[in-house]
Amino acid sequence: MIPQERVHEQAKRQGERRRALVTAVRRGQSLRAVARQYGVGVATVAHWVQRAKGQRLDRVDWSDHSHAPHKARRTDTSLEDLVVKARGDLAHGDLGAIGAEAIRQALVDQRVTKIPSVRTINRILARRGALDGRKRTRRPPPPRGWYLPGVAKVLAELDSFDIVEGLVIKDGPQVEVLNGVSLHGGLVVSWPIVSPVTAAMTVQSLVAHWRLVGLPSYVQFDNDMIFHGTHRYPRCVGTGHPSVSEPGRGAGVRAAA
């Protein structure tokens, strides 16, 4: 089989798999259940469900974006020369600031056209060997959900919720927003409301959300008093750190149920 035929066959199998995701959701399975069944993220299932919304499945475009080779746009050599020269001039100046931001400002002062971004200037300096400092050692971060073994090993999902307060619409009311995101699936959800977010509203929103996408293994809340509740429900930890509990057993939202 020649490479082109192999690519076509792979695209066909991928399209059939994506169609199967949407078919399962349309038959009543939750997004989270379908994601577990096919070994993909919840956000991936939600993406293809949205792509197919309002269409017959045989008319949906299941293909990815173009795989045409990306052509990198290298900065002109003359502009790179100006960047290196500006750095040298700044090094002999009184202020001693020779970073990318200072270089960019120097080029602005010189009225140079097509001034590169700070990030591009750093890349130019690295390519030209103009950086005299040692690179910072970047240590790998801990895995997502490191404080819960099952979540850290991607064997369990965690939904995280918090409340954003004090959002003021111009010439309008003050708005609060209850926000949520699944740690591994990346599925986001928000409930804006004019009046303050209440425990009852939170319970109603979360229950409706979980009925649609399925229950996670864990739920994490911020330290808002709506999520704290009382000492009657010790499953939800309220120590000033993010609270982690099992769905339906948190305190503040449990009390409002």
C-alpha atoms as a PDB file:
ATOM      1  CA  MET A   1       0.000   0.000   0.000  1.00  0.00           C
ATOM      2  CA  ILE A   2       1.501   3.314  -1.031  1.00  0.00           C
ATOM      3  CA  PRO A   3       1.723   6.130   1.563  1.00  0.00           C
ATOM      4  CA  GLN A   4      -1.117   8.168   0.030  1.00  0.00           C
ATOM      5  CA  GLU A   5      -3.509   5.223   0.245  1.00  0.00           C
ATOM      6  CA  ARG A   6      -2.434   4.593   3.828  1.00  0.00           C
ATOM      7  CA  VAL A   7      -3.209   8.219   4.756  1.00  0.00           C
ATOM      8  CA  HIS A   8      -6.627   7.955   3.095  1.00  0.00           C
ATOM      9  CA  GLU A   9      -7.423   4.726   4.947  1.00  0.00           C
ATOM     10  CA  GLN A  10      -6.348   6.214   8.268  1.00  0.00           C
ATOM     11  CA  ALA A  11      -8.516   9.292   7.707  1.00  0.00           C
ATOM     12  CA  LYS A  12     -11.464   7.049   6.878  1.00  0.00           C
ATOM     13  CA  ARG A  13     -11.074   5.033  10.105  1.00  0.00           C
ATOM     14  CA  GLN A  14     -10.710   8.235  12.104  1.00  0.00           C
ATOM     15  CA  GLY A  15     -13.897   9.640  10.587  1.00  0.00           C
ATOM     16  CA  GLU A  16     -15.805   6.447  11.416  1.00  0.00           C
ATOM     17  CA  ARG A  17     -14.568   6.626  15.011  1.00  0.00           C
ATOM     18  CA  ARG A  18     -15.674  10.238  15.388  1.00  0.00           C
ATOM     19  CA  ARG A  19     -19.060   9.404  13.922  1.00  0.00           C
ATOM     20  CA  ALA A  20     -19.377   6.586  16.470  1.00  0.00           C
ATOM     21  CA  LEU A  21     -18.721   9.083  19.309  1.00  0.00           C
ATOM     22  CA  VAL A  22     -21.575  11.313  18.198  1.00  0.00           C
ATOM     23  CA  THR A  23     -23.866   8.347  17.542  1.00  0.00           C
ATOM     24  CA  ALA A  24     -23.351   7.112  21.096  1.00  0.00           C
ATOM     25  CA  VAL A  25     -24.193  10.541  22.540  1.00  0.00           C
ATOM     26  CA  ARG A  26     -27.294  10.868  20.367  1.00  0.00           C
ATOM     27  CA  ARG A  27     -28.438   7.485  21.656  1.00  0.00           C
ATOM     28  CA  GLY A  28     -28.447   8.801  25.208  1.00  0.00           C
ATOM     29  CA  GLN A  29     -24.990   8.133  26.643  1.00  0.00           C
ATOM     30  CA  SER A  30     -23.334  10.946  28.573  1.00  0.00           C
ATOM     31  CA  LEU A  31     -20.279  12.720  27.183  1.00  0.00           C
ATOM     32  CA  ARG A  32     -18.125  11.393  30.000  1.00  0.00           C
ATOM     33  CA  ALA A  33     -19.305   7.791  29.489  1.00  0.00           C
ATOM     34  CA  VAL A  34     -18.539   7.959  25.766  1.00  0.00           C
ATOM     35  CA  ALA A  35     -15.134   9.479  26.469  1.00  0.00           C
ATOM     36  CA  ARG A  36     -14.274   6.602  28.810  1.00  0.00           C
ATOM     37  CA  GLN A  37     -15.546   4.019  26.324  1.00  0.00           C
ATOM     38  CA  TYR A  38     -13.420   5.298  23.446  1.00  0.00           C
ATOM     39  CA  GLY A  39     -10.429   6.449  25.497  1.00  0.00           C
ATOM     40  CA  VAL A  40     -10.615  10.128  24.548  1.00  0.00           C
ATOM     41  CA  GLY A  41     -11.134  13.370  26.457  1.00  0.00           C
ATOM     42  CA  VAL A  42     -14.584  14.729  27.258  1.00  0.00           C
ATOM     43  CA  ALA A  43     -13.682  17.895  25.356  1.00  0.00           C
ATOM     44  CA  THR A  44     -12.992  15.788  22.243  1.00  0.00           C
ATOM     45  CA  VAL A  45     -16.442  14.201  22.411  1.00  0.00           C
ATOM     46  CA  ALA A  46     -18.040  17.607  23.002  1.00  0.00           C
ATOM     47  CA  HIS A  47     -16.146  19.043  20.005  1.00  0.00           C
ATOM     48  CA  TRP A  48     -17.477  16.456  17.544  1.00  0.00           C
ATOM     49  CA  VAL A  49     -20.989  16.589  19.005  1.00  0.00           C
ATOM     50  CA  GLN A  50     -20.941  20.341  18.409  1.00  0.00           C
ATOM     51  CA  ARG A  51     -19.482  19.884  14.908  1.00  0.00           C
ATOM     52  CA  ALA A  52     -22.363  17.525  14.015  1.00  0.00           C
ATOM     53  CA  LYS A  53     -25.083  19.572  15.689  1.00  0.00           C
ATOM     54  CA  GLY A  54     -28.177  19.956  13.528  1.00  0.00           C
ATOM     55  CA  GLN A  55     -26.803  17.738  10.742  1.00  0.00           C
ATOM     56  CA  ARG A  56     -27.324  14.214   9.511  1.00  0.00           C
ATOM     57  CA  LEU A  57     -24.250  12.177  10.375  1.00  0.00           C
ATOM     58  CA  ASP A  58     -23.625  11.252   6.736  1.00  0.00           C
ATOM     59  CA  ARG A  59     -23.311  14.958   5.903  1.00  0.00           C
ATOM     60  CA  VAL A  60     -20.871  15.956   8.639  1.00  0.00           C
ATOM     61  CA  ASP A  61     -17.262  16.803   7.743  1.00  0.00           C
ATOM     62  CA  TRP A  62     -15.281  14.515  10.054  1.00  0.00           C
ATOM     63  CA  SER A  63     -11.875  15.593   8.747  1.00  0.00           C
ATOM     64  CA  ASP A  64      -9.237  17.585  10.606  1.00  0.00           C
ATOM     65  CA  HIS A  65      -7.824  20.885   9.478  1.00  0.00           C
ATOM     66  CA  SER A  66      -5.374  20.923   6.601  1.00  0.00           C
ATOM     67  CA  HIS A  67      -2.204  18.883   7.069  1.00  0.00           C
ATOM     68  CA  ALA A  68      -0.291  20.933   4.528  1.00  0.00           C
ATOM     69  CA  PRO A  69       3.320  21.586   5.601  1.00  0.00           C
ATOM     70  CA  HIS A  70       3.680  24.710   7.710  1.00  0.00           C
ATOM     71  CA  LYS A  71       6.138  27.178   6.295  1.00  0.00           C
ATOM     72  CA  ALA A  72       8.125  28.926   9.004  1.00  0.00           C
ATOM     73  CA  ARG A  73       8.644  32.645   8.440  1.00  0.00           C
ATOM     74  CA  ARG A  74      12.228  33.404   9.380  1.00  0.00           C
ATOM     75  CA  THR A  75      13.062  36.981  10.335  1.00  0.00           C
ATOM     76  CA  ASP A  76      15.078  38.844   7.690  1.00  0.00           C
ATOM     77  CA  THR A  77      18.825  38.764   8.250  1.00  0.00           C
ATOM     78  CA  SER A  78      19.025  42.555   8.120  1.00  0.00           C
ATOM     79  CA  LEU A  79      16.480  42.848  10.939  1.00  0.00           C
ATOM     80  CA  GLU A  80      18.364  40.259  13.000  1.00  0.00           C
ATOM     81  CA  ASP A  81      21.505  42.347  12.528  1.00  0.00           C
ATOM     82  CA  LEU A  82      19.663  45.392  13.876  1.00  0.00           C
ATOM     83  CA  VAL A  83      18.546  43.438  16.944  1.00  0.00           C
ATOM     84  CA  VAL A  84      22.082  42.259  17.733  1.00  0.00           C
ATOM     85  CA  LYS A  85      23.477  45.760  17.143  1.00  0.00           C
ATOM     86  CA  ALA A  86      20.833  47.309  19.418  1.00  0.00           C
ATOM     87  CA  ARG A  87      21.818  44.896  22.159  1.00  0.00           C
ATOM     88  CA  GLY A  88      25.472  45.824  21.774  1.00  0.00           C
ATOM     89  CA  ASP A  89      24.661  49.545  21.924  1.00  0.00           C
ATOM     90  CA  LEU A  90      22.542  49.056  25.047  1.00  0.00           C
ATOM     91  CA  ALA A  91      25.337  47.087  26.712  1.00  0.00           C
ATOM     92  CA  HIS A  92      27.554  50.189  26.528  1.00  0.00           C
ATOM     93  CA  GLY A  93      24.813  52.519  27.734  1.00  0.00           C
ATOM     94  CA  ASP A  94      24.300  53.982  31.208  1.00  0.00           C
ATOM     95  CA  LEU A  95      21.223  51.943  32.135  1.00  0.00           C
ATOM     96  CA  GLY A  96      22.663  48.520  31.353  1.00  0.00           C
ATOM     97  CA  ALA A  97      19.296  47.055  30.337  1.00  0.00           C
ATOM     98  CA  ILE A  98      19.956  44.659  27.459  1.00  0.00           C
ATOM     99  CA  GLY A  99      16.890  42.395  27.604  1.00  0.00           C
ATOM    100  CA  ALA A 100      14.431  41.768  24.783  1.00  0.00           C
ATOM    101  CA  GLU A 101      11.999  44.447  26.001  1.00  0.00           C
ATOM    102  CA  ALA A 102      14.770  47.067  26.124  1.00  0.00           C
ATOM    103  CA  ILE A 103      15.938  46.044  22.646  1.00  0.00           C
ATOM    104  CA  ARG A 104      12.436  46.316  21.267  1.00  0.00           C
ATOM    105  CA  GLN A 105      12.004  49.774  22.762  1.00  0.00           C
ATOM    106  CA  ALA A 106      15.336  50.818  21.228  1.00  0.00           C
ATOM    107  CA  LEU A 107      14.103  49.685  17.816  1.00  0.00           C
ATOM    108  CA  VAL A 108      10.875  51.631  18.351  1.00  0.00           C
ATOM    109  CA  ASP A 109      12.916  54.747  19.182  1.00  0.00           C
ATOM    110  CA  GLN A 110      14.906  54.210  15.984  1.00  0.00           C
ATOM    111  CA  ARG A 111      11.630  54.003  14.039  1.00  0.00           C
ATOM    112  CA  VAL A 112      12.505  50.628  12.615  1.00  0.00           C
ATOM    113  CA  THR A 113       9.749  49.118  10.477  1.00  0.00           C
ATOM    114  CA  LYS A 114       8.418  45.611  11.159  1.00  0.00           C
ATOM    115  CA  ILE A 115       9.618  45.527  14.746  1.00  0.00           C
ATOM    116  CA  PRO A 116       9.717  41.923  16.028  1.00  0.00           C
ATOM    117  CA  SER A 117       7.970  40.835  19.201  1.00  0.00           C
ATOM    118  CA  VAL A 118       9.814  40.308  22.486  1.00  0.00           C
ATOM    119  CA  ARG A 119       9.581  36.545  21.990  1.00  0.00           C
ATOM    120  CA  THR A 120      11.047  36.770  18.482  1.00  0.00           C
ATOM    121  CA  ILE A 121      13.888  38.974  19.720  1.00  0.00           C
ATOM    122  CA  ASN A 122      14.790  36.330  22.296  1.00  0.00           C
ATOM    123  CA  ARG A 123      14.857  33.709  19.541  1.00  0.00           C
ATOM    124  CA  ILE A 124      17.092  35.903  17.388  1.00  0.00           C
ATOM    125  CA  LEU A 125      19.530  36.403  20.251  1.00  0.00           C
ATOM    126  CA  ALA A 126      19.619  32.649  20.891  1.00  0.00           C
ATOM    127  CA  ARG A 127      20.248  31.878  17.202  1.00  0.00           C
ATOM    128  CA  ARG A 128      23.040  34.429  17.019  1.00  0.00           C
ATOM    129  CA  GLY A 129      24.678  33.187  20.220  1.00  0.00           C
ATOM    130  CA  ALA A 130      24.286  36.601  21.816  1.00  0.00           C
ATOM    131  CA  LEU A 131      22.938  35.307  25.127  1.00  0.00           C
ATOM    132  CA  ASP A 132      25.677  35.166  27.716  1.00  0.00           C
ATOM    133  CA  GLY A 133      23.609  33.791  30.586  1.00  0.00           C
ATOM    134  CA  ARG A 134      23.072  30.174  31.504  1.00  0.00           C
ATOM    135  CA  LYS A 135      19.689  28.700  30.694  1.00  0.00           C
ATOM    136  CA  ARG A 136      17.387  28.227  33.647  1.00  0.00           C
ATOM    137  CA  THR A 137      16.791  24.616  34.548  1.00  0.00           C
ATOM    138  CA  ARG A 138      13.088  23.904  34.171  1.00  0.00           C
ATOM    139  CA  ARG A 139      11.992  21.078  36.382  1.00  0.00           C
ATOM    140  CA  PRO A 140       8.979  19.083  35.254  1.00  0.00           C
ATOM    141  CA  PRO A 141       5.774  19.904  37.146  1.00  0.00           C
ATOM    142  CA  PRO A 142       3.973  17.216  39.136  1.00  0.00           C
ATOM    143  CA  PRO A 143       1.212  15.379  37.259  1.00  0.00           C
ATOM    144  CA  ARG A 144      -2.268  16.869  37.212  1.00  0.00           C
ATOM    145  CA  GLY A 145      -4.143  15.957  40.359  1.00  0.00           C
ATOM    146  CA  TRP A 146      -0.944  14.797  42.069  1.00  0.00           C
ATOM    147  CA  TYR A 147      -2.689  14.958  45.459  1.00  0.00           C
ATOM    148  CA  LEU A 148      -5.127  12.178  44.440  1.00  0.00           C
ATOM    149  CA  PRO A 149      -3.379   8.996  43.236  1.00  0.00           C
ATOM    150  CA  GLY A 150      -6.212   7.869  40.962  1.00  0.00           C
ATOM    151  CA  VAL A 151      -6.466  11.284  39.316  1.00  0.00           C
ATOM    152  CA  ALA A 152      -2.675  11.584  38.953  1.00  0.00           C
ATOM    153  CA  LYS A 153      -2.598   8.248  37.104  1.00  0.00           C
ATOM    154  CA  VAL A 154      -5.500   9.385  34.863  1.00  0.00           C
ATOM    155  CA  LEU A 155      -7.634   6.576  36.275  1.00  0.00           C
ATOM    156  CA  ALA A 156     -10.183   9.027  37.687  1.00  0.00           C
ATOM    157  CA  GLU A 157     -11.586  12.413  36.652  1.00  0.00           C
ATOM    158  CA  LEU A 158     -11.886  15.534  38.788  1.00  0.00           C
ATOM    159  CA  ASP A 159     -14.220  18.487  38.214  1.00  0.00           C
ATOM    160  CA  SER A 160     -13.074  21.823  39.641  1.00  0.00           C
ATOM    161  CA  PHE A 161     -15.457  24.699  40.433  1.00  0.00           C
ATOM    162  CA  ASP A 162     -15.017  28.272  41.601  1.00  0.00           C
ATOM    163  CA  ILE A 163     -16.932  31.556  41.667  1.00  0.00           C
ATOM    164  CA  VAL A 164     -15.820  34.800  40.027  1.00  0.00           C
ATOM    165  CA  GLU A 165     -17.279  37.859  41.730  1.00  0.00           C
ATOM    166  CA  GLY A 166     -17.395  41.572  41.064  1.00  0.00           C
ATOM    167  CA  LEU A 167     -17.690  41.558  37.271  1.00  0.00           C
ATOM    168  CA  VAL A 168     -19.340  44.837  36.293  1.00  0.00           C
ATOM    169  CA  ILE A 169     -20.969  45.279  32.895  1.00  0.00           C
ATOM    170  CA  LYS A 170     -20.683  48.834  31.588  1.00  0.00           C
ATOM    171  CA  ASP A 171     -23.900  50.701  32.357  1.00  0.00           C
ATOM    172  CA  GLY A 172     -25.273  47.424  33.675  1.00  0.00           C
ATOM    173  CA  PRO A 173     -25.447  45.206  36.758  1.00  0.00           C
ATOM    174  CA  GLN A 174     -22.728  43.429  38.683  1.00  0.00           C
ATOM    175  CA  VAL A 175     -22.362  39.816  37.620  1.00  0.00           C
ATOM    176  CA  GLU A 176     -21.100  36.679  39.338  1.00  0.00           C
ATOM    177  CA  VAL A 177     -20.085  33.538  37.442  1.00  0.00           C
ATOM    178  CA  LEU A 178     -19.939  29.926  38.626  1.00  0.00           C
ATOM    179  CA  ASN A 179     -17.222  28.243  36.550  1.00  0.00           C
ATOM    180  CA  GLY A 180     -16.213  24.600  36.181  1.00  0.00           C
ATOM    181  CA  VAL A 181     -13.634  22.551  34.283  1.00  0.00           C
ATOM    182  CA  SER A 182     -12.764  18.849  34.174  1.00  0.00           C
ATOM    183  CA  LEU A 183      -9.082  18.297  34.922  1.00  0.00           C
ATOM    184  CA  HIS A 184      -8.241  15.723  32.260  1.00  0.00           C
ATOM    185  CA  GLY A 185     -11.118  16.139  29.817  1.00  0.00           C
ATOM    186  CA  GLY A 186     -10.827  19.927  29.625  1.00  0.00           C
ATOM    187  CA  LEU A 187     -14.612  20.315  29.455  1.00  0.00           C
ATOM    188  CA  VAL A 188     -15.516  23.833  30.629  1.00  0.00           C
ATOM    189  CA  VAL A 189     -18.844  25.237  31.777  1.00  0.00           C
ATOM    190  CA  SER A 190     -20.000  28.605  33.169  1.00  0.00           C
ATOM    191  CA  TRP A 191     -23.187  29.951  34.724  1.00  0.00           C
ATOM    192  CA  PRO A 192     -23.310  33.782  34.803  1.00  0.00           C
ATOM    193  CA  ILE A 193     -25.950  35.317  37.058  1.00  0.00           C
ATOM    194  CA  VAL A 194     -26.898  38.885  38.011  1.00  0.00           C
ATOM    195  CA  SER A 195     -27.797  38.121  41.604  1.00  0.00           C
ATOM    196  CA  PRO A 196     -25.246  36.494  43.940  1.00  0.00           C
ATOM    197  CA  VAL A 197     -24.468  32.834  43.340  1.00  0.00           C
ATOM    198  CA  THR A 198     -26.330  30.792  45.966  1.00  0.00           C
ATOM    199  CA  ALA A 199     -25.941  27.252  47.240  1.00  0.00           C
ATOM    200  CA  ALA A 200     -29.329  26.322  45.769  1.00  0.00           C
ATOM    201  CA  MET A 201     -28.373  27.703  42.349  1.00  0.00           C
ATOM    202  CA  THR A 202     -25.053  25.856  42.557  1.00  0.00           C
ATOM    203  CA  VAL A 203     -26.734  22.524  43.340  1.00  0.00           C
ATOM    204  CA  GLN A 204     -29.232  22.966  40.503  1.00  0.00           C
ATOM    205  CA  SER A 205     -26.475  23.846  38.011  1.00  0.00           C
ATOM    206  CA  LEU A 206     -24.109  21.037  38.994  1.00  0.00           C
ATOM    207  CA  VAL A 207     -26.828  18.377  38.991  1.00  0.00           C
ATOM    208  CA  ALA A 208     -27.986  19.436  35.511  1.00  0.00           C
ATOM    209  CA  HIS A 209     -24.376  19.462  34.285  1.00  0.00           C
ATOM    210  CA  TRP A 210     -23.573  15.990  35.663  1.00  0.00           C
ATOM    211  CA  ARG A 211     -26.796  14.545  34.265  1.00  0.00           C
ATOM    212  CA  LEU A 212     -25.594  15.674  30.845  1.00  0.00           C
ATOM    213  CA  VAL A 213     -21.917  14.618  30.961  1.00  0.00           C
ATOM    214  CA  GLY A 214     -21.839  12.055  33.796  1.00  0.00           C
ATOM    215  CA  LEU A 215     -20.383  12.136  37.311  1.00  0.00           C
ATOM    216  CA  PRO A 216     -16.637  12.549  37.884  1.00  0.00           C
ATOM    217  CA  SER A 217     -14.804  10.577  40.553  1.00  0.00           C
ATOM    218  CA  TYR A 218     -13.936  13.716  42.523  1.00  0.00           C
ATOM    219  CA  VAL A 219     -15.055  17.327  42.789  1.00  0.00           C
ATOM    220  CA  GLN A 220     -12.818  20.216  43.825  1.00  0.00           C
ATOM    221  CA  PHE A 221     -14.155  23.545  45.110  1.00  0.00           C
ATOM    222  CA  ASP A 222     -12.502  26.804  46.075  1.00  0.00           C
ATOM    223  CA  ASN A 223     -12.818  28.242  49.597  1.00  0.00           C
ATOM    224  CA  ASP A 224     -16.060  30.157  49.000  1.00  0.00           C
ATOM    225  CA  MET A 225     -18.466  29.775  51.943  1.00  0.00           C
ATOM    226  CA  ILE A 226     -21.107  28.368  49.584  1.00  0.00           C
ATOM    227  CA  PHE A 227     -18.930  25.270  49.206  1.00  0.00           C
ATOM    228  CA  HIS A 228     -17.857  25.060  52.857  1.00  0.00           C
ATOM    229  CA  GLY A 229     -21.104  24.331  54.671  1.00  0.00           C
ATOM    230  CA  THR A 230     -20.918  23.020  58.228  1.00  0.00           C
ATOM    231  CA  HIS A 231     -18.925  20.473  60.212  1.00  0.00           C
ATOM    232  CA  ARG A 232     -21.732  17.936  59.747  1.00  0.00           C
ATOM    233  CA  TYR A 233     -20.216  16.910  56.422  1.00  0.00           C
ATOM    234  CA  PRO A 234     -16.489  16.265  57.010  1.00  0.00           C
ATOM    235  CA  ARG A 235     -16.057  14.671  53.567  1.00  0.00           C
ATOM    236  CA  CYS A 236     -15.557  18.167  52.209  1.00  0.00           C
ATOM    237  CA  VAL A 237     -12.314  19.700  53.504  1.00  0.00           C
ATOM    238  CA  GLY A 238     -12.596  23.392  54.287  1.00  0.00           C
ATOM    239  CA  THR A 239      -9.173  24.457  55.520  1.00  0.00           C
ATOM    240  CA  GLY A 240      -8.580  27.429  53.266  1.00  0.00           C
ATOM    241  CA  HIS A 241      -7.156  25.159  50.557  1.00  0.00           C
ATOM    242  CA  PRO A 242      -9.194  23.877  47.609  1.00  0.00           C
ATOM    243  CA  SER A 243     -11.860  21.488  48.876  1.00  0.00           C
ATOM    244  CA  VAL A 244     -11.999  17.978  47.467  1.00  0.00           C
ATOM    245  CA  SER A 245     -15.004  15.749  47.982  1.00  0.00           C
ATOM    246  CA  GLU A 246     -17.031  13.020  46.354  1.00  0.00           C
ATOM    247  CA  PRO A 247     -19.968  14.274  44.224  1.00  0.00           C
ATOM    248  CA  GLY A 248     -23.124  14.818  46.228  1.00  0.00           C
ATOM    249  CA  ARG A 249     -21.334  14.661  49.597  1.00  0.00           C
ATOM    250  CA  GLY A 250     -20.022  18.233  49.786  1.00  0.00           C
ATOM    251  CA  ALA A 251     -21.290  20.374  52.649  1.00  0.00           C
ATOM    252  CA  GLY A 252     -22.664  23.710  51.496  1.00  0.00           C
ATOM    253  CA  VAL A 253     -24.161  22.405  48.306  1.00  0.00           C
ATOM    254  CA  ARG A 254     -25.459  19.276  50.135  1.00  0.00           C
ATOM    255  CA  ALA A 255     -27.270  21.462  52.636  1.00  0.00           C
ATOM    256  CA  ALA A 256     -29.103  23.249  49.829  1.00  0.00           C
ATOM    257  CA  ALA A 257     -30.169  20.078  48.068  1.00  0.00           C
END
